């Protein structure tokens, strides 16, 4: 499988009330398979966490990140940045 870097996406949310951030990234692993990576922690802190979930394809990855976005909004987070968000033509 080939790398399709143009399909990679990053979205970041921040909660100013709790001073925390959350990022979701759609990337590919060394074998070209899509992965949704999640990174979270305190803004300006070195502590936090990360998780990587293997995903079948870009369409499924987009659905997972959309679900994450809805959950973040319900918890008081605001989207503060995005890079190449959900380029549907690349699915």
PDB file of N, CA and C in Angstrom:
ATOM      1  N   UNK A   1       0.852  -1.183   0.000  1.00  0.00           N
ATOM      2  CA  UNK A   1       0.000   0.000   0.000  1.00  0.00           C
ATOM      3  C   UNK A   1       0.892   1.238   0.000  1.00  0.00           C
ATOM      4  N   UNK A   2       0.492   2.249  -0.672  1.00  0.00           N
ATOM      5  CA  UNK A   2       1.290   3.478  -0.756  1.00  0.00           C
ATOM      6  C   UNK A   2       0.816   4.500   0.278  1.00  0.00           C
ATOM      7  N   UNK A   3       1.709   5.404   0.586  1.00  0.00           N
ATOM      8  CA  UNK A   3       1.357   6.498   1.483  1.00  0.00           C
ATOM      9  C   UNK A   3       0.590   7.557   0.714  1.00  0.00           C
ATOM     10  N   UNK A   4      -0.446   8.077   1.352  1.00  0.00           N
ATOM     11  CA  UNK A   4      -1.222   9.169   0.775  1.00  0.00           C
ATOM     12  C   UNK A   4      -1.223  10.314   1.785  1.00  0.00           C
ATOM     13  N   UNK A   5      -0.088  10.980   1.881  1.00  0.00           N
ATOM     14  CA  UNK A   5       0.106  12.017   2.893  1.00  0.00           C
ATOM     15  C   UNK A   5      -0.942  13.116   2.782  1.00  0.00           C
ATOM     16  N   UNK A   6      -1.404  13.402   1.584  1.00  0.00           N
ATOM     17  CA  UNK A   6      -2.406  14.452   1.410  1.00  0.00           C
ATOM     18  C   UNK A   6      -3.712  14.113   2.120  1.00  0.00           C
ATOM     19  N   UNK A   7      -3.928  12.858   2.463  1.00  0.00           N
ATOM     20  CA  UNK A   7      -5.163  12.475   3.153  1.00  0.00           C
ATOM     21  C   UNK A   7      -5.029  12.555   4.668  1.00  0.00           C
ATOM     22  N   UNK A   8      -3.818  12.799   5.170  1.00  0.00           N
ATOM     23  CA  UNK A   8      -3.630  12.877   6.608  1.00  0.00           C
ATOM     24  C   UNK A   8      -4.282  14.153   7.140  1.00  0.00           C
ATOM     25  N   UNK A   9      -4.853  14.079   8.324  1.00  0.00           N
ATOM     26  CA  UNK A   9      -5.554  15.221   8.917  1.00  0.00           C
ATOM     27  C   UNK A   9      -5.198  15.346  10.392  1.00  0.00           C
ATOM     28  N   UNK A  10      -5.225  16.570  10.890  1.00  0.00           N
ATOM     29  CA  UNK A  10      -5.043  16.827  12.315  1.00  0.00           C
ATOM     30  C   UNK A  10      -6.067  17.863  12.749  1.00  0.00           C
ATOM     31  N   UNK A  11      -6.739  17.588  13.860  1.00  0.00           N
ATOM     32  CA  UNK A  11      -7.676  18.551  14.434  1.00  0.00           C
ATOM     33  C   UNK A  11      -7.341  18.692  15.915  1.00  0.00           C
ATOM     34  N   UNK A  12      -7.357  19.921  16.406  1.00  0.00           N
ATOM     35  CA  UNK A  12      -7.038  20.190  17.814  1.00  0.00           C
ATOM     36  C   UNK A  12      -8.192  20.941  18.460  1.00  0.00           C
ATOM     37  N   UNK A  13      -8.540  20.512  19.674  1.00  0.00           N
ATOM     38  CA  UNK A  13      -9.552  21.166  20.485  1.00  0.00           C
ATOM     39  C   UNK A  13      -8.916  21.586  21.793  1.00  0.00           C
ATOM     40  N   UNK A  14      -9.418  22.680  22.366  1.00  0.00           N
ATOM     41  CA  UNK A  14      -8.946  23.126  23.676  1.00  0.00           C
ATOM     42  C   UNK A  14     -10.136  23.482  24.546  1.00  0.00           C
ATOM     43  N   UNK A  15      -9.982  23.235  25.838  1.00  0.00           N
ATOM     44  CA  UNK A  15     -10.984  23.618  26.822  1.00  0.00           C
ATOM     45  C   UNK A  15     -10.326  24.647  27.728  1.00  0.00           C
ATOM     46  N   UNK A  16     -10.695  25.901  27.554  1.00  0.00           N
ATOM     47  CA  UNK A  16     -10.067  26.991  28.312  1.00  0.00           C
ATOM     48  C   UNK A  16     -10.401  26.901  29.798  1.00  0.00           C
ATOM     49  N   UNK A  17     -11.589  26.372  30.123  1.00  0.00           N
ATOM     50  CA  UNK A  17     -11.993  26.257  31.527  1.00  0.00           C
ATOM     51  C   UNK A  17     -11.145  25.271  32.312  1.00  0.00           C
ATOM     52  N   UNK A  18     -10.743  24.187  31.667  1.00  0.00           N
ATOM     53  CA  UNK A  18      -9.934  23.168  32.339  1.00  0.00           C
ATOM     54  C   UNK A  18      -8.466  23.240  31.932  1.00  0.00           C
ATOM     55  N   UNK A  19      -8.153  24.129  30.986  1.00  0.00           N
ATOM     56  CA  UNK A  19      -6.787  24.305  30.475  1.00  0.00           C
ATOM     57  C   UNK A  19      -6.216  22.999  29.909  1.00  0.00           C
ATOM     58  N   UNK A  20      -7.057  22.289  29.128  1.00  0.00           N
ATOM     59  CA  UNK A  20      -6.661  21.014  28.541  1.00  0.00           C
ATOM     60  C   UNK A  20      -6.832  21.049  27.026  1.00  0.00           C
ATOM     61  N   UNK A  21      -6.112  20.153  26.345  1.00  0.00           N
ATOM     62  CA  UNK A  21      -6.225  20.037  24.889  1.00  0.00           C
ATOM     63  C   UNK A  21      -6.446  18.584  24.496  1.00  0.00           C
ATOM     64  N   UNK A  22      -6.922  18.395  23.270  1.00  0.00           N
ATOM     65  CA  UNK A  22      -7.153  17.059  22.712  1.00  0.00           C
ATOM     66  C   UNK A  22      -6.903  17.170  21.220  1.00  0.00           C
ATOM     67  N   UNK A  23      -6.152  16.242  20.661  1.00  0.00           N
ATOM     68  CA  UNK A  23      -5.906  16.217  19.219  1.00  0.00           C
ATOM     69  C   UNK A  23      -6.291  14.864  18.661  1.00  0.00           C
ATOM     70  N   UNK A  24      -6.809  14.869  17.452  1.00  0.00           N
ATOM     71  CA  UNK A  24      -7.086  13.636  16.715  1.00  0.00           C
ATOM     72  C   UNK A  24      -6.388  13.760  15.369  1.00  0.00           C
ATOM     73  N   UNK A  25      -5.677  12.704  15.003  1.00  0.00           N
ATOM     74  CA  UNK A  25      -4.923  12.711  13.749  1.00  0.00           C
ATOM     75  C   UNK A  25      -5.267  11.472  12.941  1.00  0.00           C
ATOM     76  N   UNK A  26      -5.475  11.670  11.658  1.00  0.00           N
ATOM     77  CA  UNK A  26      -5.610  10.548  10.735  1.00  0.00           C
ATOM     78  C   UNK A  26      -4.284  10.453   9.998  1.00  0.00           C
ATOM     79  N   UNK A  27      -3.610   9.319  10.160  1.00  0.00           N
ATOM     80  CA  UNK A  27      -2.305   9.104   9.539  1.00  0.00           C
ATOM     81  C   UNK A  27      -2.247   7.686   8.989  1.00  0.00           C
ATOM     82  N   UNK A  28      -1.087   7.313   8.498  1.00  0.00           N
ATOM     83  CA  UNK A  28      -0.853   5.943   8.066  1.00  0.00           C
ATOM     84  C   UNK A  28       0.348   5.382   8.814  1.00  0.00           C
ATOM     85  N   UNK A  29       0.306   4.069   9.096  1.00  0.00           N
ATOM     86  CA  UNK A  29       1.431   3.427   9.770  1.00  0.00           C
ATOM     87  C   UNK A  29       2.494   3.017   8.746  1.00  0.00           C
ATOM     88  N   UNK A  30       3.497   2.298   9.186  1.00  0.00           N
ATOM     89  CA  UNK A  30       4.598   1.900   8.302  1.00  0.00           C
ATOM     90  C   UNK A  30       4.157   0.995   7.157  1.00  0.00           C
ATOM     91  N   UNK A  31       3.012   0.343   7.316  1.00  0.00           N
ATOM     92  CA  UNK A  31       2.514  -0.562   6.285  1.00  0.00           C
ATOM     93  C   UNK A  31       1.490   0.101   5.369  1.00  0.00           C
ATOM     94  N   UNK A  32       1.227   1.397   5.603  1.00  0.00           N
ATOM     95  CA  UNK A  32       0.284   2.140   4.780  1.00  0.00           C
ATOM     96  C   UNK A  32      -1.152   2.056   5.254  1.00  0.00           C
ATOM     97  N   UNK A  33      -1.397   1.384   6.382  1.00  0.00           N
ATOM     98  CA  UNK A  33      -2.753   1.277   6.925  1.00  0.00           C
ATOM     99  C   UNK A  33      -3.112   2.554   7.684  1.00  0.00           C
ATOM    100  N   UNK A  34      -4.377   2.957   7.600  1.00  0.00           N
ATOM    101  CA  UNK A  34      -4.809   4.164   8.303  1.00  0.00           C
ATOM    102  C   UNK A  34      -4.904   3.914   9.801  1.00  0.00           C
ATOM    103  N   UNK A  35      -4.572   4.964  10.560  1.00  0.00           N
ATOM    104  CA  UNK A  35      -4.584   4.929  12.017  1.00  0.00           C
ATOM    105  C   UNK A  35      -5.164   6.250  12.507  1.00  0.00           C
ATOM    106  N   UNK A  36      -6.027   6.189  13.529  1.00  0.00           N
ATOM    107  CA  UNK A  36      -6.477   7.406  14.196  1.00  0.00           C
ATOM    108  C   UNK A  36      -5.664   7.523  15.476  1.00  0.00           C
ATOM    109  N   UNK A  37      -4.885   8.596  15.575  1.00  0.00           N
ATOM    110  CA  UNK A  37      -4.076   8.847  16.768  1.00  0.00           C
ATOM    111  C   UNK A  37      -4.754   9.928  17.595  1.00  0.00           C
ATOM    112  N   UNK A  38      -4.792   9.700  18.902  1.00  0.00           N
ATOM    113  CA  UNK A  38      -5.363  10.669  19.834  1.00  0.00           C
ATOM    114  C   UNK A  38      -4.275  11.081  20.806  1.00  0.00           C
ATOM    115  N   UNK A  39      -4.177  12.375  21.047  1.00  0.00           N
ATOM    116  CA  UNK A  39      -3.187  12.917  21.978  1.00  0.00           C
ATOM    117  C   UNK A  39      -3.916  13.917  22.865  1.00  0.00           C
ATOM    118  N   UNK A  40      -3.666  13.876  24.185  1.00  0.00           N
ATOM    119  CA  UNK A  40      -4.360  14.778  25.093  1.00  0.00           C
ATOM    120  C   UNK A  40      -3.466  15.137  26.263  1.00  0.00           C
ATOM    121  N   UNK A  41      -3.836  16.225  26.937  1.00  0.00           N
ATOM    122  CA  UNK A  41      -3.074  16.629  28.114  1.00  0.00           C
ATOM    123  C   UNK A  41      -3.407  18.042  28.532  1.00  0.00           C
ATOM    124  N   UNK A  42      -2.607  18.556  29.447  1.00  0.00           N
ATOM    125  CA  UNK A  42      -2.771  19.921  29.915  1.00  0.00           C
ATOM    126  C   UNK A  42      -2.002  20.879  29.019  1.00  0.00           C
ATOM    127  N   UNK A  43      -2.597  22.021  28.729  1.00  0.00           N
ATOM    128  CA  UNK A  43      -1.936  23.020  27.890  1.00  0.00           C
ATOM    129  C   UNK A  43      -0.707  23.541  28.635  1.00  0.00           C
ATOM    130  N   UNK A  44       0.452  23.477  27.987  1.00  0.00           N
ATOM    131  CA  UNK A  44       1.695  23.928  28.585  1.00  0.00           C
ATOM    132  C   UNK A  44       2.327  22.935  29.546  1.00  0.00           C
ATOM    133  N   UNK A  45       1.778  21.748  29.638  1.00  0.00           N
ATOM    134  CA  UNK A  45       2.310  20.709  30.533  1.00  0.00           C
ATOM    135  C   UNK A  45       2.961  19.610  29.705  1.00  0.00           C
ATOM    136  N   UNK A  46       3.891  18.899  30.301  1.00  0.00           N
ATOM    137  CA  UNK A  46       4.538  17.803  29.582  1.00  0.00           C
ATOM    138  C   UNK A  46       3.805  16.479  29.772  1.00  0.00           C
ATOM    139  N   UNK A  47       2.919  16.410  30.755  1.00  0.00           N
ATOM    140  CA  UNK A  47       2.179  15.167  30.977  1.00  0.00           C
ATOM    141  C   UNK A  47       0.964  15.103  30.057  1.00  0.00           C
ATOM    142  N   UNK A  48       0.505  13.916  29.799  1.00  0.00           N
ATOM    143  CA  UNK A  48      -0.648  13.707  28.941  1.00  0.00           C
ATOM    144  C   UNK A  48      -0.701  12.258  28.524  1.00  0.00           C
ATOM    145  N   UNK A  49      -1.447  11.982  27.490  1.00  0.00           N
ATOM    146  CA  UNK A  49      -1.582  10.613  27.027  1.00  0.00           C
ATOM    147  C   UNK A  49      -1.706  10.550  25.526  1.00  0.00           C
ATOM    148  N   UNK A  50      -1.647   9.335  25.019  1.00  0.00           N
ATOM    149  CA  UNK A  50      -1.774   9.115  23.580  1.00  0.00           C
ATOM    150  C   UNK A  50      -2.330   7.719  23.347  1.00  0.00           C
ATOM    151  N   UNK A  51      -2.989   7.562  22.209  1.00  0.00           N
ATOM    152  CA  UNK A  51      -3.580   6.290  21.837  1.00  0.00           C
ATOM    153  C   UNK A  51      -3.600   6.216  20.318  1.00  0.00           C
ATOM    154  N   UNK A  52      -3.365   5.043  19.767  1.00  0.00           N
ATOM    155  CA  UNK A  52      -3.442   4.838  18.314  1.00  0.00           C
ATOM    156  C   UNK A  52      -4.386   3.676  18.040  1.00  0.00           C
ATOM    157  N   UNK A  53      -5.363   3.904  17.158  1.00  0.00           N
ATOM    158  CA  UNK A  53      -6.350   2.888  16.812  1.00  0.00           C
ATOM    159  C   UNK A  53      -6.252   2.568  15.333  1.00  0.00           C
ATOM    160  N   UNK A  54      -5.982   1.305  14.971  1.00  0.00           N
ATOM    161  CA  UNK A  54      -5.956   0.937  13.550  1.00  0.00           C
ATOM    162  C   UNK A  54      -7.360   1.035  12.956  1.00  0.00           C
ATOM    163  N   UNK A  55      -7.437   1.550  11.746  1.00  0.00           N
ATOM    164  CA  UNK A  55      -8.712   1.786  11.073  1.00  0.00           C
ATOM    165  C   UNK A  55      -8.663   1.133   9.693  1.00  0.00           C
ATOM    166  N   UNK A  56      -9.804   0.658   9.236  1.00  0.00           N
ATOM    167  CA  UNK A  56      -9.872  -0.052   7.955  1.00  0.00           C
ATOM    168  C   UNK A  56      -9.578   0.842   6.757  1.00  0.00           C
ATOM    169  N   UNK A  57     -10.187   2.035   6.726  1.00  0.00           N
ATOM    170  CA  UNK A  57      -9.993   2.926   5.580  1.00  0.00           C
ATOM    171  C   UNK A  57     -10.254   4.376   5.986  1.00  0.00           C
ATOM    172  N   UNK A  58     -10.036   5.291   5.058  1.00  0.00           N
ATOM    173  CA  UNK A  58     -10.190   6.731   5.333  1.00  0.00           C
ATOM    174  C   UNK A  58     -11.621   7.077   5.721  1.00  0.00           C
ATOM    175  N   UNK A  59     -12.591   6.427   5.109  1.00  0.00           N
ATOM    176  CA  UNK A  59     -13.996   6.711   5.418  1.00  0.00           C
ATOM    177  C   UNK A  59     -14.296   6.384   6.884  1.00  0.00           C
ATOM    178  N   UNK A  60     -13.833   5.241   7.344  1.00  0.00           N
ATOM    179  CA  UNK A  60     -14.029   4.862   8.740  1.00  0.00           C
ATOM    180  C   UNK A  60     -13.273   5.815   9.668  1.00  0.00           C
ATOM    181  N   UNK A  61     -12.077   6.212   9.289  1.00  0.00           N
ATOM    182  CA  UNK A  61     -11.292   7.154  10.087  1.00  0.00           C
ATOM    183  C   UNK A  61     -12.025   8.480  10.237  1.00  0.00           C
ATOM    184  N   UNK A  62     -12.623   8.942   9.155  1.00  0.00           N
ATOM    185  CA  UNK A  62     -13.387  10.189   9.192  1.00  0.00           C
ATOM    186  C   UNK A  62     -14.567  10.065  10.146  1.00  0.00           C
ATOM    187  N   UNK A  63     -15.254   8.930  10.125  1.00  0.00           N
ATOM    188  CA  UNK A  63     -16.384   8.710  11.031  1.00  0.00           C
ATOM    189  C   UNK A  63     -15.923   8.714  12.489  1.00  0.00           C
ATOM    190  N   UNK A  64     -14.791   8.101  12.770  1.00  0.00           N
ATOM    191  CA  UNK A  64     -14.255   8.061  14.134  1.00  0.00           C
ATOM    192  C   UNK A  64     -13.916   9.472  14.613  1.00  0.00           C
ATOM    193  N   UNK A  65     -13.253  10.260  13.776  1.00  0.00           N
ATOM    194  CA  UNK A  65     -12.868  11.618  14.175  1.00  0.00           C
ATOM    195  C   UNK A  65     -14.101  12.515  14.309  1.00  0.00           C
ATOM    196  N   UNK A  66     -15.107  12.307  13.488  1.00  0.00           N
ATOM    197  CA  UNK A  66     -16.359  13.061  13.628  1.00  0.00           C
ATOM    198  C   UNK A  66     -16.999  12.765  14.980  1.00  0.00           C
ATOM    199  N   UNK A  67     -16.996  11.508  15.384  1.00  0.00           N
ATOM    200  CA  UNK A  67     -17.523  11.120  16.690  1.00  0.00           C
ATOM    201  C   UNK A  67     -16.713  11.757  17.823  1.00  0.00           C
ATOM    202  N   UNK A  68     -15.401  11.770  17.677  1.00  0.00           N
ATOM    203  CA  UNK A  68     -14.532  12.413  18.669  1.00  0.00           C
ATOM    204  C   UNK A  68     -14.871  13.895  18.774  1.00  0.00           C
ATOM    205  N   UNK A  69     -15.069  14.553  17.635  1.00  0.00           N
ATOM    206  CA  UNK A  69     -15.389  15.980  17.613  1.00  0.00           C
ATOM    207  C   UNK A  69     -16.683  16.265  18.364  1.00  0.00           C
ATOM    208  N   UNK A  70     -17.697  15.449  18.127  1.00  0.00           N
ATOM    209  CA  UNK A  70     -18.975  15.638  18.822  1.00  0.00           C
ATOM    210  C   UNK A  70     -18.804  15.478  20.331  1.00  0.00           C
ATOM    211  N   UNK A  71     -18.034  14.488  20.744  1.00  0.00           N
ATOM    212  CA  UNK A  71     -17.784  14.247  22.160  1.00  0.00           C
ATOM    213  C   UNK A  71     -17.007  15.407  22.788  1.00  0.00           C
ATOM    214  N   UNK A  72     -16.009  15.926  22.079  1.00  0.00           N
ATOM    215  CA  UNK A  72     -15.230  17.052  22.603  1.00  0.00           C
ATOM    216  C   UNK A  72     -16.131  18.269  22.807  1.00  0.00           C
ATOM    217  N   UNK A  73     -16.990  18.558  21.833  1.00  0.00           N
ATOM    218  CA  UNK A  73     -17.884  19.720  21.947  1.00  0.00           C
ATOM    219  C   UNK A  73     -18.810  19.586  23.146  1.00  0.00           C
ATOM    220  N   UNK A  74     -19.326  18.378  23.388  1.00  0.00           N
ATOM    221  CA  UNK A  74     -20.210  18.149  24.534  1.00  0.00           C
ATOM    222  C   UNK A  74     -19.484  18.368  25.859  1.00  0.00           C
ATOM    223  N   UNK A  75     -18.173  18.191  25.849  1.00  0.00           N
ATOM    224  CA  UNK A  75     -17.385  18.340  27.071  1.00  0.00           C
ATOM    225  C   UNK A  75     -16.757  19.724  27.206  1.00  0.00           C
ATOM    226  N   UNK A  76     -17.212  20.674  26.389  1.00  0.00           N
ATOM    227  CA  UNK A  76     -16.775  22.056  26.531  1.00  0.00           C
ATOM    228  C   UNK A  76     -15.526  22.449  25.769  1.00  0.00           C
ATOM    229  N   UNK A  77     -15.060  21.596  24.878  1.00  0.00           N
ATOM    230  CA  UNK A  77     -13.881  21.907  24.069  1.00  0.00           C
ATOM    231  C   UNK A  77     -14.291  22.689  22.827  1.00  0.00           C
ATOM    232  N   UNK A  78     -13.407  23.555  22.366  1.00  0.00           N
ATOM    233  CA  UNK A  78     -13.603  24.289  21.113  1.00  0.00           C
ATOM    234  C   UNK A  78     -12.502  23.907  20.145  1.00  0.00           C
ATOM    235  N   UNK A  79     -12.877  23.725  18.881  1.00  0.00           N
ATOM    236  CA  UNK A  79     -11.864  23.426  17.865  1.00  0.00           C
ATOM    237  C   UNK A  79     -11.046  24.682  17.622  1.00  0.00           C
ATOM    238  N   UNK A  80      -9.722  24.556  17.737  1.00  0.00           N
ATOM    239  CA  UNK A  80      -8.856  25.723  17.573  1.00  0.00           C
ATOM    240  C   UNK A  80      -8.001  25.650  16.320  1.00  0.00           C
ATOM    241  N   UNK A  81      -7.811  24.460  15.764  1.00  0.00           N
ATOM    242  CA  UNK A  81      -7.041  24.365  14.523  1.00  0.00           C
ATOM    243  C   UNK A  81      -7.339  23.052  13.817  1.00  0.00           C
ATOM    244  N   UNK A  82      -7.058  23.065  12.527  1.00  0.00           N
ATOM    245  CA  UNK A  82      -7.187  21.842  11.742  1.00  0.00           C
ATOM    246  C   UNK A  82      -6.248  21.931  10.550  1.00  0.00           C
ATOM    247  N   UNK A  83      -5.806  20.777  10.114  1.00  0.00           N
ATOM    248  CA  UNK A  83      -4.928  20.685   8.953  1.00  0.00           C
ATOM    249  C   UNK A  83      -5.477  19.581   8.061  1.00  0.00           C
ATOM    250  N   UNK A  84      -5.786  19.915   6.805  1.00  0.00           N
ATOM    251  CA  UNK A  84      -6.347  18.966   5.844  1.00  0.00           C
ATOM    252  C   UNK A  84      -7.550  18.207   6.397  1.00  0.00           C
ATOM    253  N   UNK A  85      -8.540  18.895   6.962  1.00  0.00           N
ATOM    254  CA  UNK A  85      -9.632  18.161   7.588  1.00  0.00           C
ATOM    255  C   UNK A  85     -10.504  17.423   6.577  1.00  0.00           C
ATOM    256  N   UNK A  86     -10.584  16.124   6.710  1.00  0.00           N
ATOM    257  CA  UNK A  86     -11.553  15.287   6.010  1.00  0.00           C
ATOM    258  C   UNK A  86     -11.653  15.547   4.520  1.00  0.00           C
ATOM    259  N   UNK A  87     -10.591  15.374   3.802  1.00  0.00           N
ATOM    260  CA  UNK A  87     -10.596  15.578   2.353  1.00  0.00           C
ATOM    261  C   UNK A  87     -11.301  14.400   1.706  1.00  0.00           C
ATOM    262  N   UNK A  88     -12.597  14.539   1.495  1.00  0.00           N
ATOM    263  CA  UNK A  88     -13.432  13.442   1.016  1.00  0.00           C
ATOM    264  C   UNK A  88     -12.999  12.893  -0.342  1.00  0.00           C
ATOM    265  N   UNK A  89     -12.416  13.706  -1.199  1.00  0.00           N
ATOM    266  CA  UNK A  89     -12.030  13.230  -2.520  1.00  0.00           C
ATOM    267  C   UNK A  89     -10.922  12.191  -2.458  1.00  0.00           C
ATOM    268  N   UNK A  90     -10.241  12.075  -1.323  1.00  0.00           N
ATOM    269  CA  UNK A  90      -9.139  11.132  -1.191  1.00  0.00           C
ATOM    270  C   UNK A  90      -9.547   9.806  -0.573  1.00  0.00           C
ATOM    271  N   UNK A  91     -10.809   9.592  -0.295  1.00  0.00           N
ATOM    272  CA  UNK A  91     -11.225   8.360   0.367  1.00  0.00           C
ATOM    273  C   UNK A  91     -11.134   7.184  -0.562  1.00  0.00           C
TER     274      UNK A  91
END
